Amino acid sequence: MNDVEEGYSWCAPELSNDLSCRDALARVRPLLSPRVRTIRQPELDGIDDRYRRATIP
């Protein structure tokens, strides 16, 4: 996330690869117990908010 906030200097395929981690989280989230989803959701929301602030004008 810090790389995106500071200005991502890698090429587009590298960024796509890095973002695939977030996609993987979205795919496995439904498999997690409600308790784990509830505990981890604020952290995930915070990371998503940081990404939006860094990428959306």
PDB file of N, CA and C in Angstrom:
ATOM      1  N   MET A   1       0.817  -1.182   0.000  1.00  0.00           N
ATOM      2  CA  MET A   1       0.000   0.000   0.000  1.00  0.00           C
ATOM      3  C   MET A   1       0.865   1.253   0.000  1.00  0.00           C
ATOM      4  N   ASN A   2       1.960   1.224   0.728  1.00  0.00           N
ATOM      5  CA  ASN A   2       2.827   2.406   0.764  1.00  0.00           C
ATOM      6  C   ASN A   2       3.320   2.770  -0.628  1.00  0.00           C
ATOM      7  N   ASP A   3       3.628   1.766  -1.449  1.00  0.00           N
ATOM      8  CA  ASP A   3       4.095   2.045  -2.811  1.00  0.00           C
ATOM      9  C   ASP A   3       3.052   2.801  -3.611  1.00  0.00           C
ATOM     10  N   VAL A   4       1.802   2.429  -3.466  1.00  0.00           N
ATOM     11  CA  VAL A   4       0.728   3.098  -4.201  1.00  0.00           C
ATOM     12  C   VAL A   4       0.581   4.532  -3.696  1.00  0.00           C
ATOM     13  N   GLU A   5       0.623   4.730  -2.402  1.00  0.00           N
ATOM     14  CA  GLU A   5       0.468   6.072  -1.846  1.00  0.00           C
ATOM     15  C   GLU A   5       1.627   6.991  -2.231  1.00  0.00           C
ATOM     16  N   GLU A   6       2.820   6.432  -2.355  1.00  0.00           N
ATOM     17  CA  GLU A   6       4.001   7.234  -2.677  1.00  0.00           C
ATOM     18  C   GLU A   6       4.198   7.407  -4.177  1.00  0.00           C
ATOM     19  N   GLY A   7       3.411   6.732  -4.978  1.00  0.00           N
ATOM     20  CA  GLY A   7       3.550   6.799  -6.424  1.00  0.00           C
ATOM     21  C   GLY A   7       4.161   5.510  -6.925  1.00  0.00           C
ATOM     22  N   TYR A   8       3.344   4.633  -7.413  1.00  0.00           N
ATOM     23  CA  TYR A   8       3.772   3.297  -7.810  1.00  0.00           C
ATOM     24  C   TYR A   8       4.764   3.397  -8.955  1.00  0.00           C
ATOM     25  N   SER A   9       5.962   2.874  -8.768  1.00  0.00           N
ATOM     26  CA  SER A   9       7.016   3.005  -9.779  1.00  0.00           C
ATOM     27  C   SER A   9       7.228   1.729 -10.598  1.00  0.00           C
ATOM     28  N   TRP A  10       6.487   0.688 -10.306  1.00  0.00           N
ATOM     29  CA  TRP A  10       6.628  -0.549 -11.059  1.00  0.00           C
ATOM     30  C   TRP A  10       5.777  -0.466 -12.323  1.00  0.00           C
ATOM     31  N   CYS A  11       5.885  -1.455 -13.190  1.00  0.00           N
ATOM     32  CA  CYS A  11       5.101  -1.483 -14.418  1.00  0.00           C
ATOM     33  C   CYS A  11       3.687  -2.013 -14.135  1.00  0.00           C
ATOM     34  N   ALA A  12       2.823  -1.836 -15.113  1.00  0.00           N
ATOM     35  CA  ALA A  12       1.424  -2.236 -14.953  1.00  0.00           C
ATOM     36  C   ALA A  12       1.252  -3.712 -14.593  1.00  0.00           C
ATOM     37  N   PRO A  13       1.982  -4.630 -15.211  1.00  0.00           N
ATOM     38  CA  PRO A  13       1.824  -6.038 -14.822  1.00  0.00           C
ATOM     39  C   PRO A  13       2.202  -6.293 -13.360  1.00  0.00           C
ATOM     40  N   GLU A  14       3.190  -5.571 -12.848  1.00  0.00           N
ATOM     41  CA  GLU A  14       3.556  -5.723 -11.434  1.00  0.00           C
ATOM     42  C   GLU A  14       2.439  -5.229 -10.529  1.00  0.00           C
ATOM     43  N   LEU A  15       1.836  -4.094 -10.877  1.00  0.00           N
ATOM     44  CA  LEU A  15       0.715  -3.575 -10.095  1.00  0.00           C
ATOM     45  C   LEU A  15      -0.438  -4.566 -10.118  1.00  0.00           C
ATOM     46  N   SER A  16      -0.724  -5.108 -11.281  1.00  0.00           N
ATOM     47  CA  SER A  16      -1.793  -6.096 -11.408  1.00  0.00           C
ATOM     48  C   SER A  16      -1.523  -7.304 -10.523  1.00  0.00           C
ATOM     49  N   ASN A  17      -0.293  -7.750 -10.499  1.00  0.00           N
ATOM     50  CA  ASN A  17       0.080  -8.873  -9.650  1.00  0.00           C
ATOM     51  C   ASN A  17      -0.136  -8.540  -8.179  1.00  0.00           C
ATOM     52  N   ASP A  18       0.273  -7.344  -7.778  1.00  0.00           N
ATOM     53  CA  ASP A  18       0.096  -6.935  -6.383  1.00  0.00           C
ATOM     54  C   ASP A  18      -1.386  -6.848  -6.010  1.00  0.00           C
ATOM     55  N   LEU A  19      -2.189  -6.356  -6.939  1.00  0.00           N
ATOM     56  CA  LEU A  19      -3.625  -6.242  -6.659  1.00  0.00           C
ATOM     57  C   LEU A  19      -4.315  -7.604  -6.625  1.00  0.00           C
ATOM     58  N   SER A  20      -3.695  -8.599  -7.223  1.00  0.00           N
ATOM     59  CA  SER A  20      -4.303  -9.935  -7.212  1.00  0.00           C
ATOM     60  C   SER A  20      -4.422 -10.465  -5.775  1.00  0.00           C
ATOM     61  N   CYS A  21      -3.564  -9.980  -4.887  1.00  0.00           N
ATOM     62  CA  CYS A  21      -3.678 -10.389  -3.475  1.00  0.00           C
ATOM     63  C   CYS A  21      -5.016  -9.938  -2.902  1.00  0.00           C
ATOM     64  N   ARG A  22      -5.430  -8.724  -3.242  1.00  0.00           N
ATOM     65  CA  ARG A  22      -6.724  -8.225  -2.738  1.00  0.00           C
ATOM     66  C   ARG A  22      -7.861  -9.038  -3.347  1.00  0.00           C
ATOM     67  N   ASP A  23      -7.724  -9.386  -4.608  1.00  0.00           N
ATOM     68  CA  ASP A  23      -8.741 -10.221  -5.256  1.00  0.00           C
ATOM     69  C   ASP A  23      -8.850 -11.579  -4.568  1.00  0.00           C
ATOM     70  N   ALA A  24      -7.718 -12.135  -4.165  1.00  0.00           N
ATOM     71  CA  ALA A  24      -7.721 -13.428  -3.471  1.00  0.00           C
ATOM     72  C   ALA A  24      -8.459 -13.313  -2.139  1.00  0.00           C
ATOM     73  N   LEU A  25      -8.255 -12.212  -1.429  1.00  0.00           N
ATOM     74  CA  LEU A  25      -8.985 -12.004  -0.171  1.00  0.00           C
ATOM     75  C   LEU A  25     -10.493 -11.968  -0.415  1.00  0.00           C
ATOM     76  N   ALA A  26     -10.898 -11.306  -1.473  1.00  0.00           N
ATOM     77  CA  ALA A  26     -12.328 -11.230  -1.792  1.00  0.00           C
ATOM     78  C   ALA A  26     -12.901 -12.616  -2.100  1.00  0.00           C
ATOM     79  N   ARG A  27     -12.105 -13.457  -2.752  1.00  0.00           N
ATOM     80  CA  ARG A  27     -12.588 -14.806  -3.088  1.00  0.00           C
ATOM     81  C   ARG A  27     -12.715 -15.704  -1.866  1.00  0.00           C
ATOM     82  N   VAL A  28     -11.792 -15.580  -0.910  1.00  0.00           N
ATOM     83  CA  VAL A  28     -11.832 -16.486   0.242  1.00  0.00           C
ATOM     84  C   VAL A  28     -12.709 -15.959   1.372  1.00  0.00           C
ATOM     85  N   ARG A  29     -13.038 -14.682   1.366  1.00  0.00           N
ATOM     86  CA  ARG A  29     -13.832 -14.106   2.447  1.00  0.00           C
ATOM     87  C   ARG A  29     -15.104 -14.898   2.751  1.00  0.00           C
ATOM     88  N   PRO A  30     -15.876 -15.306   1.729  1.00  0.00           N
ATOM     89  CA  PRO A  30     -17.092 -16.069   2.025  1.00  0.00           C
ATOM     90  C   PRO A  30     -16.827 -17.410   2.727  1.00  0.00           C
ATOM     91  N   LEU A  31     -15.607 -17.902   2.630  1.00  0.00           N
ATOM     92  CA  LEU A  31     -15.279 -19.175   3.257  1.00  0.00           C
ATOM     93  C   LEU A  31     -14.934 -19.032   4.740  1.00  0.00           C
ATOM     94  N   LEU A  32     -14.697 -17.815   5.170  1.00  0.00           N
ATOM     95  CA  LEU A  32     -14.331 -17.569   6.567  1.00  0.00           C
ATOM     96  C   LEU A  32     -15.566 -17.585   7.459  1.00  0.00           C
ATOM     97  N   SER A  33     -15.349 -17.882   8.706  1.00  0.00           N
ATOM     98  CA  SER A  33     -16.466 -17.862   9.650  1.00  0.00           C
ATOM     99  C   SER A  33     -16.939 -16.424   9.855  1.00  0.00           C
ATOM    100  N   PRO A  34     -18.193 -16.236  10.214  1.00  0.00           N
ATOM    101  CA  PRO A  34     -18.685 -14.885  10.477  1.00  0.00           C
ATOM    102  C   PRO A  34     -17.847 -14.154  11.530  1.00  0.00           C
ATOM    103  N   ARG A  35     -17.390 -14.890  12.527  1.00  0.00           N
ATOM    104  CA  ARG A  35     -16.579 -14.278  13.584  1.00  0.00           C
ATOM    105  C   ARG A  35     -15.278 -13.708  13.025  1.00  0.00           C
ATOM    106  N   VAL A  36     -14.594 -14.468  12.182  1.00  0.00           N
ATOM    107  CA  VAL A  36     -13.338 -14.005  11.598  1.00  0.00           C
ATOM    108  C   VAL A  36     -13.592 -12.828  10.659  1.00  0.00           C
ATOM    109  N   ARG A  37     -14.655 -12.909   9.862  1.00  0.00           N
ATOM    110  CA  ARG A  37     -14.988 -11.794   8.970  1.00  0.00           C
ATOM    111  C   ARG A  37     -15.242 -10.523   9.770  1.00  0.00           C
ATOM    112  N   THR A  38     -15.969 -10.641  10.852  1.00  0.00           N
ATOM    113  CA  THR A  38     -16.284  -9.478  11.686  1.00  0.00           C
ATOM    114  C   THR A  38     -15.022  -8.886  12.305  1.00  0.00           C
ATOM    115  N   ILE A  39     -14.142  -9.737  12.778  1.00  0.00           N
ATOM    116  CA  ILE A  39     -12.903  -9.270  13.410  1.00  0.00           C
ATOM    117  C   ILE A  39     -11.994  -8.580  12.396  1.00  0.00           C
ATOM    118  N   ARG A  40     -11.886  -9.127  11.206  1.00  0.00           N
ATOM    119  CA  ARG A  40     -10.940  -8.616  10.205  1.00  0.00           C
ATOM    120  C   ARG A  40     -11.492  -7.514   9.305  1.00  0.00           C
ATOM    121  N   GLN A  41     -12.798  -7.334   9.260  1.00  0.00           N
ATOM    122  CA  GLN A  41     -13.388  -6.373   8.328  1.00  0.00           C
ATOM    123  C   GLN A  41     -12.890  -4.939   8.535  1.00  0.00           C
ATOM    124  N   PRO A  42     -12.768  -4.444   9.766  1.00  0.00           N
ATOM    125  CA  PRO A  42     -12.269  -3.066   9.922  1.00  0.00           C
ATOM    126  C   PRO A  42     -10.866  -2.865   9.339  1.00  0.00           C
ATOM    127  N   GLU A  43     -10.006  -3.861   9.480  1.00  0.00           N
ATOM    128  CA  GLU A  43      -8.657  -3.755   8.918  1.00  0.00           C
ATOM    129  C   GLU A  43      -8.717  -3.711   7.394  1.00  0.00           C
ATOM    130  N   LEU A  44      -9.522  -4.566   6.803  1.00  0.00           N
ATOM    131  CA  LEU A  44      -9.670  -4.602   5.355  1.00  0.00           C
ATOM    132  C   LEU A  44     -10.287  -3.304   4.843  1.00  0.00           C
ATOM    133  N   ASP A  45     -11.293  -2.800   5.534  1.00  0.00           N
ATOM    134  CA  ASP A  45     -11.918  -1.528   5.141  1.00  0.00           C
ATOM    135  C   ASP A  45     -10.895  -0.394   5.162  1.00  0.00           C
ATOM    136  N   GLY A  46     -10.041  -0.381   6.175  1.00  0.00           N
ATOM    137  CA  GLY A  46      -9.017   0.652   6.270  1.00  0.00           C
ATOM    138  C   GLY A  46      -8.040   0.606   5.110  1.00  0.00           C
ATOM    139  N   ILE A  47      -7.621  -0.587   4.730  1.00  0.00           N
ATOM    140  CA  ILE A  47      -6.702  -0.742   3.603  1.00  0.00           C
ATOM    141  C   ILE A  47      -7.385  -0.327   2.305  1.00  0.00           C
ATOM    142  N   ASP A  48      -8.629  -0.743   2.123  1.00  0.00           N
ATOM    143  CA  ASP A  48      -9.370  -0.352   0.918  1.00  0.00           C
ATOM    144  C   ASP A  48      -9.549   1.162   0.857  1.00  0.00           C
ATOM    145  N   ASP A  49      -9.842   1.794   1.979  1.00  0.00           N
ATOM    146  CA  ASP A  49      -9.992   3.254   2.016  1.00  0.00           C
ATOM    147  C   ASP A  49      -8.695   3.947   1.638  1.00  0.00           C
ATOM    148  N   ARG A  50      -7.557   3.448   2.151  1.00  0.00           N
ATOM    149  CA  ARG A  50      -6.258   4.028   1.790  1.00  0.00           C
ATOM    150  C   ARG A  50      -6.014   3.903   0.286  1.00  0.00           C
ATOM    151  N   TYR A  51      -6.354   2.763  -0.277  1.00  0.00           N
ATOM    152  CA  TYR A  51      -6.159   2.555  -1.711  1.00  0.00           C
ATOM    153  C   TYR A  51      -7.005   3.539  -2.513  1.00  0.00           C
ATOM    154  N   ARG A  52      -8.266   3.690  -2.121  1.00  0.00           N
ATOM    155  CA  ARG A  52      -9.157   4.618  -2.837  1.00  0.00           C
ATOM    156  C   ARG A  52      -8.618   6.058  -2.765  1.00  0.00           C
ATOM    157  N   ARG A  53      -8.188   6.479  -1.572  1.00  0.00           N
ATOM    158  CA  ARG A  53      -7.652   7.851  -1.423  1.00  0.00           C
ATOM    159  C   ARG A  53      -6.417   8.064  -2.284  1.00  0.00           C
ATOM    160  N   ALA A  54      -5.617   7.017  -2.460  1.00  0.00           N
ATOM    161  CA  ALA A  54      -4.372   7.147  -3.230  1.00  0.00           C
ATOM    162  C   ALA A  54      -4.604   7.051  -4.737  1.00  0.00           C
ATOM    163  N   THR A  55      -5.732   6.515  -5.150  1.00  0.00           N
ATOM    164  CA  THR A  55      -5.911   6.254  -6.578  1.00  0.00           C
ATOM    165  C   THR A  55      -7.081   6.995  -7.227  1.00  0.00           C
ATOM    166  N   ILE A  56      -8.005   7.500  -6.455  1.00  0.00           N
ATOM    167  CA  ILE A  56      -9.174   8.167  -7.020  1.00  0.00           C
ATOM    168  C   ILE A  56      -9.044   9.667  -6.755  1.00  0.00           C
ATOM    169  N   PRO A  57      -8.992  10.470  -7.838  1.00  0.00           N
ATOM    170  CA  PRO A  57      -8.820  11.926  -7.642  1.00  0.00           C
ATOM    171  C   PRO A  57      -9.995  12.564  -6.928  1.00  0.00           C
TER     172      PRO A  57
END
